[in-house]
Amino acid sequence: MNIKIDDDISEENKRIRRATWRDPLPYELELDEFNAVWDCIKHWDIGLPFDITASGGQLYSSASGNHVVAILDALRGVGVVKKLKQP
């Protein structure tokens, strides 16, 4: 029996992930800010609030570009990093 890891995540947490999680835009991959964050986290294992299993366990994954843009978006949201416009 093959069980995907996502099978144990609640539907509500999957909905939250879809609503809040995004891939980096092509131009963002070239930004100094993106690469600075990536250099800091690229060897991390990261557990996110919406990756909690039905039994209460925390799932972890290797850092990705999604994590980088989540960090940058959060920093932009509080004004630490300037809002960037697509070139």
PDB file of N, CA and C in Angstrom:
ATOM      1  N   MET A   1       0.836  -1.181   0.000  1.00  0.00           N
ATOM      2  CA  MET A   1       0.000   0.000   0.000  1.00  0.00           C
ATOM      3  C   MET A   1       0.880   1.243   0.000  1.00  0.00           C
ATOM      4  N   ASN A   2       0.728   2.093  -1.007  1.00  0.00           N
ATOM      5  CA  ASN A   2       1.475   3.340  -1.092  1.00  0.00           C
ATOM      6  C   ASN A   2       0.667   4.473  -0.481  1.00  0.00           C
ATOM      7  N   ILE A   3       1.233   5.128   0.517  1.00  0.00           N
ATOM      8  CA  ILE A   3       0.588   6.276   1.141  1.00  0.00           C
ATOM      9  C   ILE A   3       1.469   7.487   0.878  1.00  0.00           C
ATOM     10  N   LYS A   4       0.890   8.515   0.261  1.00  0.00           N
ATOM     11  CA  LYS A   4       1.626   9.746   0.060  1.00  0.00           C
ATOM     12  C   LYS A   4       1.674  10.493   1.385  1.00  0.00           C
ATOM     13  N   ILE A   5       2.759  11.226   1.603  1.00  0.00           N
ATOM     14  CA  ILE A   5       2.901  11.982   2.843  1.00  0.00           C
ATOM     15  C   ILE A   5       1.724  12.929   3.030  1.00  0.00           C
ATOM     16  N   ASP A   6       1.271  13.566   1.956  1.00  0.00           N
ATOM     17  CA  ASP A   6       0.149  14.508   2.045  1.00  0.00           C
ATOM     18  C   ASP A   6      -1.139  13.859   2.517  1.00  0.00           C
ATOM     19  N   ASP A   7      -1.265  12.533   2.398  1.00  0.00           N
ATOM     20  CA  ASP A   7      -2.490  11.847   2.805  1.00  0.00           C
ATOM     21  C   ASP A   7      -2.790  12.039   4.294  1.00  0.00           C
ATOM     22  N   ASP A   8      -1.767  12.300   5.086  1.00  0.00           N
ATOM     23  CA  ASP A   8      -1.951  12.432   6.526  1.00  0.00           C
ATOM     24  C   ASP A   8      -2.136  13.888   6.959  1.00  0.00           C
ATOM     25  N   ILE A   9      -2.141  14.830   6.013  1.00  0.00           N
ATOM     26  CA  ILE A   9      -2.333  16.244   6.324  1.00  0.00           C
ATOM     27  C   ILE A   9      -3.813  16.574   6.148  1.00  0.00           C
ATOM     28  N   SER A  10      -4.342  17.339   7.091  1.00  0.00           N
ATOM     29  CA  SER A  10      -5.773  17.660   7.035  1.00  0.00           C
ATOM     30  C   SER A  10      -6.105  18.473   5.788  1.00  0.00           C
ATOM     31  N   GLU A  11      -7.329  18.374   5.348  1.00  0.00           N
ATOM     32  CA  GLU A  11      -7.783  19.132   4.179  1.00  0.00           C
ATOM     33  C   GLU A  11      -7.675  20.635   4.440  1.00  0.00           C
ATOM     34  N   GLU A  12      -7.936  21.053   5.668  1.00  0.00           N
ATOM     35  CA  GLU A  12      -7.818  22.475   6.013  1.00  0.00           C
ATOM     36  C   GLU A  12      -6.379  22.952   5.854  1.00  0.00           C
ATOM     37  N   ASN A  13      -5.424  22.164   6.320  1.00  0.00           N
ATOM     38  CA  ASN A  13      -4.024  22.557   6.177  1.00  0.00           C
ATOM     39  C   ASN A  13      -3.589  22.550   4.718  1.00  0.00           C
ATOM     40  N   LYS A  14      -4.118  21.632   3.914  1.00  0.00           N
ATOM     41  CA  LYS A  14      -3.813  21.649   2.476  1.00  0.00           C
ATOM     42  C   LYS A  14      -4.366  22.919   1.836  1.00  0.00           C
ATOM     43  N   ARG A  15      -5.572  23.338   2.255  1.00  0.00           N
ATOM     44  CA  ARG A  15      -6.175  24.559   1.725  1.00  0.00           C
ATOM     45  C   ARG A  15      -5.341  25.783   2.095  1.00  0.00           C
ATOM     46  N   ILE A  16      -4.875  25.836   3.336  1.00  0.00           N
ATOM     47  CA  ILE A  16      -4.040  26.954   3.783  1.00  0.00           C
ATOM     48  C   ILE A  16      -2.753  26.996   2.970  1.00  0.00           C
ATOM     49  N   ARG A  17      -2.143  25.841   2.740  1.00  0.00           N
ATOM     50  CA  ARG A  17      -0.904  25.786   1.966  1.00  0.00           C
ATOM     51  C   ARG A  17      -1.134  26.306   0.548  1.00  0.00           C
ATOM     52  N   ARG A  18      -2.217  25.875  -0.085  1.00  0.00           N
ATOM     53  CA  ARG A  18      -2.501  26.330  -1.455  1.00  0.00           C
ATOM     54  C   ARG A  18      -2.725  27.836  -1.502  1.00  0.00           C
ATOM     55  N   ALA A  19      -3.335  28.397  -0.464  1.00  0.00           N
ATOM     56  CA  ALA A  19      -3.664  29.820  -0.454  1.00  0.00           C
ATOM     57  C   ALA A  19      -2.464  30.695  -0.122  1.00  0.00           C
ATOM     58  N   THR A  20      -1.452  30.146   0.534  1.00  0.00           N
ATOM     59  CA  THR A  20      -0.359  30.984   1.035  1.00  0.00           C
ATOM     60  C   THR A  20       1.002  30.656   0.438  1.00  0.00           C
ATOM     61  N   TRP A  21       1.127  29.586  -0.282  1.00  0.00           N
ATOM     62  CA  TRP A  21       2.408  29.087  -0.746  1.00  0.00           C
ATOM     63  C   TRP A  21       2.564  29.390  -2.220  1.00  0.00           C
ATOM     64  N   ARG A  22       3.681  29.973  -2.617  1.00  0.00           N
ATOM     65  CA  ARG A  22       3.881  30.269  -4.033  1.00  0.00           C
ATOM     66  C   ARG A  22       5.294  29.913  -4.458  1.00  0.00           C
ATOM     67  N   ASP A  23       5.438  29.701  -5.763  1.00  0.00           N
ATOM     68  CA  ASP A  23       6.756  29.476  -6.341  1.00  0.00           C
ATOM     69  C   ASP A  23       7.420  30.823  -6.591  1.00  0.00           C
ATOM     70  N   PRO A  24       8.753  30.849  -6.588  1.00  0.00           N
ATOM     71  CA  PRO A  24       9.424  32.110  -6.940  1.00  0.00           C
ATOM     72  C   PRO A  24       9.161  32.454  -8.406  1.00  0.00           C
ATOM     73  N   LEU A  25       9.030  33.734  -8.670  1.00  0.00           N
ATOM     74  CA  LEU A  25       8.903  34.204 -10.047  1.00  0.00           C
ATOM     75  C   LEU A  25      10.283  34.167 -10.697  1.00  0.00           C
ATOM     76  N   PRO A  26      10.350  33.981 -11.999  1.00  0.00           N
ATOM     77  CA  PRO A  26      11.661  33.853 -12.652  1.00  0.00           C
ATOM     78  C   PRO A  26      12.629  34.990 -12.325  1.00  0.00           C
ATOM     79  N   TYR A  27      12.144  36.230 -12.310  1.00  0.00           N
ATOM     80  CA  TYR A  27      13.052  37.336 -12.029  1.00  0.00           C
ATOM     81  C   TYR A  27      13.558  37.323 -10.587  1.00  0.00           C
ATOM     82  N   GLU A  28      12.767  36.743  -9.663  1.00  0.00           N
ATOM     83  CA  GLU A  28      13.178  36.728  -8.255  1.00  0.00           C
ATOM     84  C   GLU A  28      14.416  35.867  -8.041  1.00  0.00           C
ATOM     85  N   LEU A  29      14.593  34.859  -8.881  1.00  0.00           N
ATOM     86  CA  LEU A  29      15.749  33.967  -8.736  1.00  0.00           C
ATOM     87  C   LEU A  29      17.067  34.702  -8.922  1.00  0.00           C
ATOM     88  N   GLU A  30      17.037  35.850  -9.561  1.00  0.00           N
ATOM     89  CA  GLU A  30      18.244  36.633  -9.821  1.00  0.00           C
ATOM     90  C   GLU A  30      18.476  37.752  -8.806  1.00  0.00           C
ATOM     91  N   LEU A  31      17.557  37.948  -7.889  1.00  0.00           N
ATOM     92  CA  LEU A  31      17.683  39.042  -6.920  1.00  0.00           C
ATOM     93  C   LEU A  31      18.732  38.735  -5.862  1.00  0.00           C
ATOM     94  N   ASP A  32      19.491  39.758  -5.477  1.00  0.00           N
ATOM     95  CA  ASP A  32      20.487  39.593  -4.416  1.00  0.00           C
ATOM     96  C   ASP A  32      19.826  39.115  -3.124  1.00  0.00           C
ATOM     97  N   GLU A  33      18.627  39.664  -2.815  1.00  0.00           N
ATOM     98  CA  GLU A  33      17.928  39.283  -1.592  1.00  0.00           C
ATOM     99  C   GLU A  33      17.559  37.805  -1.613  1.00  0.00           C
ATOM    100  N   PHE A  34      17.070  37.337  -2.757  1.00  0.00           N
ATOM    101  CA  PHE A  34      16.712  35.931  -2.885  1.00  0.00           C
ATOM    102  C   PHE A  34      17.933  35.053  -2.629  1.00  0.00           C
ATOM    103  N   ASN A  35      19.031  35.364  -3.281  1.00  0.00           N
ATOM    104  CA  ASN A  35      20.229  34.538  -3.155  1.00  0.00           C
ATOM    105  C   ASN A  35      20.860  34.619  -1.774  1.00  0.00           C
ATOM    106  N   ALA A  36      20.737  35.761  -1.103  1.00  0.00           N
ATOM    107  CA  ALA A  36      21.255  35.870   0.264  1.00  0.00           C
ATOM    108  C   ALA A  36      20.477  34.954   1.211  1.00  0.00           C
ATOM    109  N   VAL A  37      19.144  34.966   1.097  1.00  0.00           N
ATOM    110  CA  VAL A  37      18.329  34.085   1.939  1.00  0.00           C
ATOM    111  C   VAL A  37      18.609  32.631   1.577  1.00  0.00           C
ATOM    112  N   TRP A  38      18.669  32.318   0.287  1.00  0.00           N
ATOM    113  CA  TRP A  38      18.933  30.945  -0.142  1.00  0.00           C
ATOM    114  C   TRP A  38      20.255  30.442   0.426  1.00  0.00           C
ATOM    115  N   ASP A  39      21.305  31.273   0.376  1.00  0.00           N
ATOM    116  CA  ASP A  39      22.608  30.858   0.907  1.00  0.00           C
ATOM    117  C   ASP A  39      22.524  30.546   2.401  1.00  0.00           C
ATOM    118  N   CYS A  40      21.640  31.229   3.112  1.00  0.00           N
ATOM    119  CA  CYS A  40      21.489  30.995   4.555  1.00  0.00           C
ATOM    120  C   CYS A  40      20.707  29.719   4.864  1.00  0.00           C
ATOM    121  N   ILE A  41      19.691  29.380   4.059  1.00  0.00           N
ATOM    122  CA  ILE A  41      18.790  28.293   4.445  1.00  0.00           C
ATOM    123  C   ILE A  41      18.942  27.022   3.622  1.00  0.00           C
ATOM    124  N   LYS A  42      19.789  27.016   2.606  1.00  0.00           N
ATOM    125  CA  LYS A  42      19.789  25.898   1.653  1.00  0.00           C
ATOM    126  C   LYS A  42      20.089  24.535   2.264  1.00  0.00           C
ATOM    127  N   HIS A  43      20.648  24.486   3.444  1.00  0.00           N
ATOM    128  CA  HIS A  43      20.933  23.189   4.075  1.00  0.00           C
ATOM    129  C   HIS A  43      19.982  22.885   5.236  1.00  0.00           C
ATOM    130  N   TRP A  44      18.957  23.693   5.396  1.00  0.00           N
ATOM    131  CA  TRP A  44      18.005  23.514   6.487  1.00  0.00           C
ATOM    132  C   TRP A  44      16.942  22.482   6.134  1.00  0.00           C
ATOM    133  N   ASP A  45      16.412  21.841   7.166  1.00  0.00           N
ATOM    134  CA  ASP A  45      15.166  21.079   7.075  1.00  0.00           C
ATOM    135  C   ASP A  45      14.116  21.956   7.743  1.00  0.00           C
ATOM    136  N   ILE A  46      13.017  22.169   7.074  1.00  0.00           N
ATOM    137  CA  ILE A  46      12.030  23.149   7.521  1.00  0.00           C
ATOM    138  C   ILE A  46      10.681  22.471   7.729  1.00  0.00           C
ATOM    139  N   GLY A  47      10.067  22.746   8.870  1.00  0.00           N
ATOM    140  CA  GLY A  47       8.711  22.291   9.159  1.00  0.00           C
ATOM    141  C   GLY A  47       7.789  23.489   9.192  1.00  0.00           C
ATOM    142  N   LEU A  48       6.695  23.408   8.474  1.00  0.00           N
ATOM    143  CA  LEU A  48       5.758  24.526   8.375  1.00  0.00           C
ATOM    144  C   LEU A  48       4.479  24.233   9.149  1.00  0.00           C
ATOM    145  N   PRO A  49       3.782  25.280   9.596  1.00  0.00           N
ATOM    146  CA  PRO A  49       2.574  25.070  10.391  1.00  0.00           C
ATOM    147  C   PRO A  49       1.508  24.244   9.690  1.00  0.00           C
ATOM    148  N   PHE A  50       1.453  24.300   8.360  1.00  0.00           N
ATOM    149  CA  PHE A  50       0.425  23.534   7.655  1.00  0.00           C
ATOM    150  C   PHE A  50       0.889  22.132   7.297  1.00  0.00           C
ATOM    151  N   ASP A  51       2.078  21.742   7.718  1.00  0.00           N
ATOM    152  CA  ASP A  51       2.571  20.384   7.489  1.00  0.00           C
ATOM    153  C   ASP A  51       2.516  19.554   8.777  1.00  0.00           C
ATOM    154  N   ILE A  52       1.397  19.662   9.469  1.00  0.00           N
ATOM    155  CA  ILE A  52       1.144  18.881  10.676  1.00  0.00           C
ATOM    156  C   ILE A  52       0.266  17.703  10.274  1.00  0.00           C
ATOM    157  N   THR A  53       0.664  16.522  10.666  1.00  0.00           N
ATOM    158  CA  THR A  53      -0.107  15.327  10.307  1.00  0.00           C
ATOM    159  C   THR A  53      -1.334  15.190  11.194  1.00  0.00           C
ATOM    160  N   ALA A  54      -2.240  14.334  10.790  1.00  0.00           N
ATOM    161  CA  ALA A  54      -3.463  14.092  11.552  1.00  0.00           C
ATOM    162  C   ALA A  54      -3.147  13.600  12.966  1.00  0.00           C
ATOM    163  N   SER A  55      -2.023  12.900  13.112  1.00  0.00           N
ATOM    164  CA  SER A  55      -1.649  12.393  14.435  1.00  0.00           C
ATOM    165  C   SER A  55      -0.839  13.410  15.235  1.00  0.00           C
ATOM    166  N   GLY A  56      -0.660  14.628  14.688  1.00  0.00           N
ATOM    167  CA  GLY A  56       0.033  15.684  15.421  1.00  0.00           C
ATOM    168  C   GLY A  56       1.524  15.762  15.151  1.00  0.00           C
ATOM    169  N   GLY A  57       2.034  14.931  14.255  1.00  0.00           N
ATOM    170  CA  GLY A  57       3.457  14.974  13.926  1.00  0.00           C
ATOM    171  C   GLY A  57       3.775  16.112  12.971  1.00  0.00           C
ATOM    172  N   GLN A  58       5.019  16.542  12.988  1.00  0.00           N
ATOM    173  CA  GLN A  58       5.482  17.616  12.107  1.00  0.00           C
ATOM    174  C   GLN A  58       6.254  17.017  10.944  1.00  0.00           C
ATOM    175  N   LEU A  59       5.880  17.379   9.722  1.00  0.00           N
ATOM    176  CA  LEU A  59       6.635  16.965   8.546  1.00  0.00           C
ATOM    177  C   LEU A  59       7.687  18.024   8.240  1.00  0.00           C
ATOM    178  N   TYR A  60       8.839  17.607   7.775  1.00  0.00           N
ATOM    179  CA  TYR A  60       9.931  18.498   7.421  1.00  0.00           C
ATOM    180  C   TYR A  60      10.329  18.247   5.979  1.00  0.00           C
ATOM    181  N   SER A  61      10.857  19.289   5.334  1.00  0.00           N
ATOM    182  CA  SER A  61      11.379  19.130   3.987  1.00  0.00           C
ATOM    183  C   SER A  61      12.635  19.965   3.850  1.00  0.00           C
ATOM    184  N   SER A  62      13.423  19.642   2.851  1.00  0.00           N
ATOM    185  CA  SER A  62      14.612  20.441   2.559  1.00  0.00           C
ATOM    186  C   SER A  62      14.161  21.828   2.113  1.00  0.00           C
ATOM    187  N   ALA A  63      15.002  22.810   2.381  1.00  0.00           N
ATOM    188  CA  ALA A  63      14.698  24.177   1.966  1.00  0.00           C
ATOM    189  C   ALA A  63      14.524  24.239   0.455  1.00  0.00           C
ATOM    190  N   SER A  64      13.658  25.149   0.023  1.00  0.00           N
ATOM    191  CA  SER A  64      13.398  25.318  -1.411  1.00  0.00           C
ATOM    192  C   SER A  64      13.182  26.796  -1.707  1.00  0.00           C
ATOM    193  N   GLY A  65      13.026  27.092  -2.984  1.00  0.00           N
ATOM    194  CA  GLY A  65      12.728  28.458  -3.390  1.00  0.00           C
ATOM    195  C   GLY A  65      11.422  28.957  -2.810  1.00  0.00           C
ATOM    196  N   ASN A  66      10.472  28.038  -2.568  1.00  0.00           N
ATOM    197  CA  ASN A  66       9.202  28.426  -1.943  1.00  0.00           C
ATOM    198  C   ASN A  66       9.445  29.003  -0.552  1.00  0.00           C
ATOM    199  N   HIS A  67      10.374  28.400   0.179  1.00  0.00           N
ATOM    200  CA  HIS A  67      10.695  28.901   1.513  1.00  0.00           C
ATOM    201  C   HIS A  67      11.323  30.290   1.412  1.00  0.00           C
ATOM    202  N   VAL A  68      12.205  30.470   0.443  1.00  0.00           N
ATOM    203  CA  VAL A  68      12.870  31.764   0.273  1.00  0.00           C
ATOM    204  C   VAL A  68      11.837  32.853   0.009  1.00  0.00           C
ATOM    205  N   VAL A  69      10.920  32.625  -0.936  1.00  0.00           N
ATOM    206  CA  VAL A  69       9.940  33.681  -1.227  1.00  0.00           C
ATOM    207  C   VAL A  69       8.984  33.891  -0.053  1.00  0.00           C
ATOM    208  N   ALA A  70       8.703  32.863   0.713  1.00  0.00           N
ATOM    209  CA  ALA A  70       7.867  33.047   1.911  1.00  0.00           C
ATOM    210  C   ALA A  70       8.566  33.971   2.908  1.00  0.00           C
ATOM    211  N   ILE A  71       9.860  33.770   3.091  1.00  0.00           N
ATOM    212  CA  ILE A  71      10.631  34.631   3.993  1.00  0.00           C
ATOM    213  C   ILE A  71      10.672  36.056   3.456  1.00  0.00           C
ATOM    214  N   LEU A  72      10.987  36.205   2.164  1.00  0.00           N
ATOM    215  CA  LEU A  72      11.049  37.547   1.577  1.00  0.00           C
ATOM    216  C   LEU A  72       9.695  38.239   1.609  1.00  0.00           C
ATOM    217  N   ASP A  73       8.624  37.516   1.312  1.00  0.00           N
ATOM    218  CA  ASP A  73       7.287  38.111   1.369  1.00  0.00           C
ATOM    219  C   ASP A  73       6.964  38.586   2.785  1.00  0.00           C
ATOM    220  N   ALA A  74       7.342  37.792   3.782  1.00  0.00           N
ATOM    221  CA  ALA A  74       7.092  38.181   5.177  1.00  0.00           C
ATOM    222  C   ALA A  74       7.899  39.426   5.537  1.00  0.00           C
ATOM    223  N   LEU A  75       9.162  39.478   5.108  1.00  0.00           N
ATOM    224  CA  LEU A  75       9.993  40.651   5.386  1.00  0.00           C
ATOM    225  C   LEU A  75       9.468  41.888   4.657  1.00  0.00           C
ATOM    226  N   ARG A  76       8.976  41.705   3.448  1.00  0.00           N
ATOM    227  CA  ARG A  76       8.370  42.828   2.718  1.00  0.00           C
ATOM    228  C   ARG A  76       7.113  43.301   3.435  1.00  0.00           C
ATOM    229  N   GLY A  77       6.373  42.366   3.977  1.00  0.00           N
ATOM    230  CA  GLY A  77       5.117  42.702   4.658  1.00  0.00           C
ATOM    231  C   GLY A  77       5.297  43.587   5.873  1.00  0.00           C
ATOM    232  N   VAL A  78       6.454  43.482   6.518  1.00  0.00           N
ATOM    233  CA  VAL A  78       6.709  44.322   7.693  1.00  0.00           C
ATOM    234  C   VAL A  78       7.668  45.464   7.380  1.00  0.00           C
ATOM    235  N   GLY A  79       7.999  45.622   6.092  1.00  0.00           N
ATOM    236  CA  GLY A  79       8.811  46.761   5.677  1.00  0.00           C
ATOM    237  C   GLY A  79      10.306  46.599   5.834  1.00  0.00           C
ATOM    238  N   VAL A  80      10.784  45.419   6.171  1.00  0.00           N
ATOM    239  CA  VAL A  80      12.222  45.207   6.337  1.00  0.00           C
ATOM    240  C   VAL A  80      12.918  45.163   4.977  1.00  0.00           C
ATOM    241  N   VAL A  81      12.263  44.557   4.001  1.00  0.00           N
ATOM    242  CA  VAL A  81      12.782  44.505   2.635  1.00  0.00           C
ATOM    243  C   VAL A  81      11.831  45.328   1.784  1.00  0.00           C
ATOM    244  N   LYS A  82      12.402  46.174   0.923  1.00  0.00           N
ATOM    245  CA  LYS A  82      11.570  47.008   0.047  1.00  0.00           C
ATOM    246  C   LYS A  82      10.714  46.140  -0.851  1.00  0.00           C
ATOM    247  N   LYS A  83       9.534  46.649  -1.145  1.00  0.00           N
ATOM    248  CA  LYS A  83       8.669  45.951  -2.094  1.00  0.00           C
ATOM    249  C   LYS A  83       9.332  46.012  -3.460  1.00  0.00           C
ATOM    250  N   LEU A  84       9.384  44.873  -4.126  1.00  0.00           N
ATOM    251  CA  LEU A  84      10.038  44.776  -5.428  1.00  0.00           C
ATOM    252  C   LEU A  84       9.004  44.667  -6.523  1.00  0.00           C
ATOM    253  N   LYS A  85       9.240  45.341  -7.602  1.00  0.00           N
ATOM    254  CA  LYS A  85       8.366  45.232  -8.768  1.00  0.00           C
ATOM    255  C   LYS A  85       9.083  44.420  -9.822  1.00  0.00           C
ATOM    256  N   GLN A  86       8.303  43.686 -10.579  1.00  0.00           N
ATOM    257  CA  GLN A  86       8.878  42.889 -11.650  1.00  0.00           C
ATOM    258  C   GLN A  86       9.493  43.831 -12.683  1.00  0.00           C
ATOM    259  N   PRO A  87      10.734  43.538 -13.105  1.00  0.00           N
ATOM    260  CA  PRO A  87      11.394  44.405 -14.095  1.00  0.00           C
ATOM    261  C   PRO A  87      10.679  44.369 -15.438  1.00  0.00           C
TER     262      PRO A  87
END
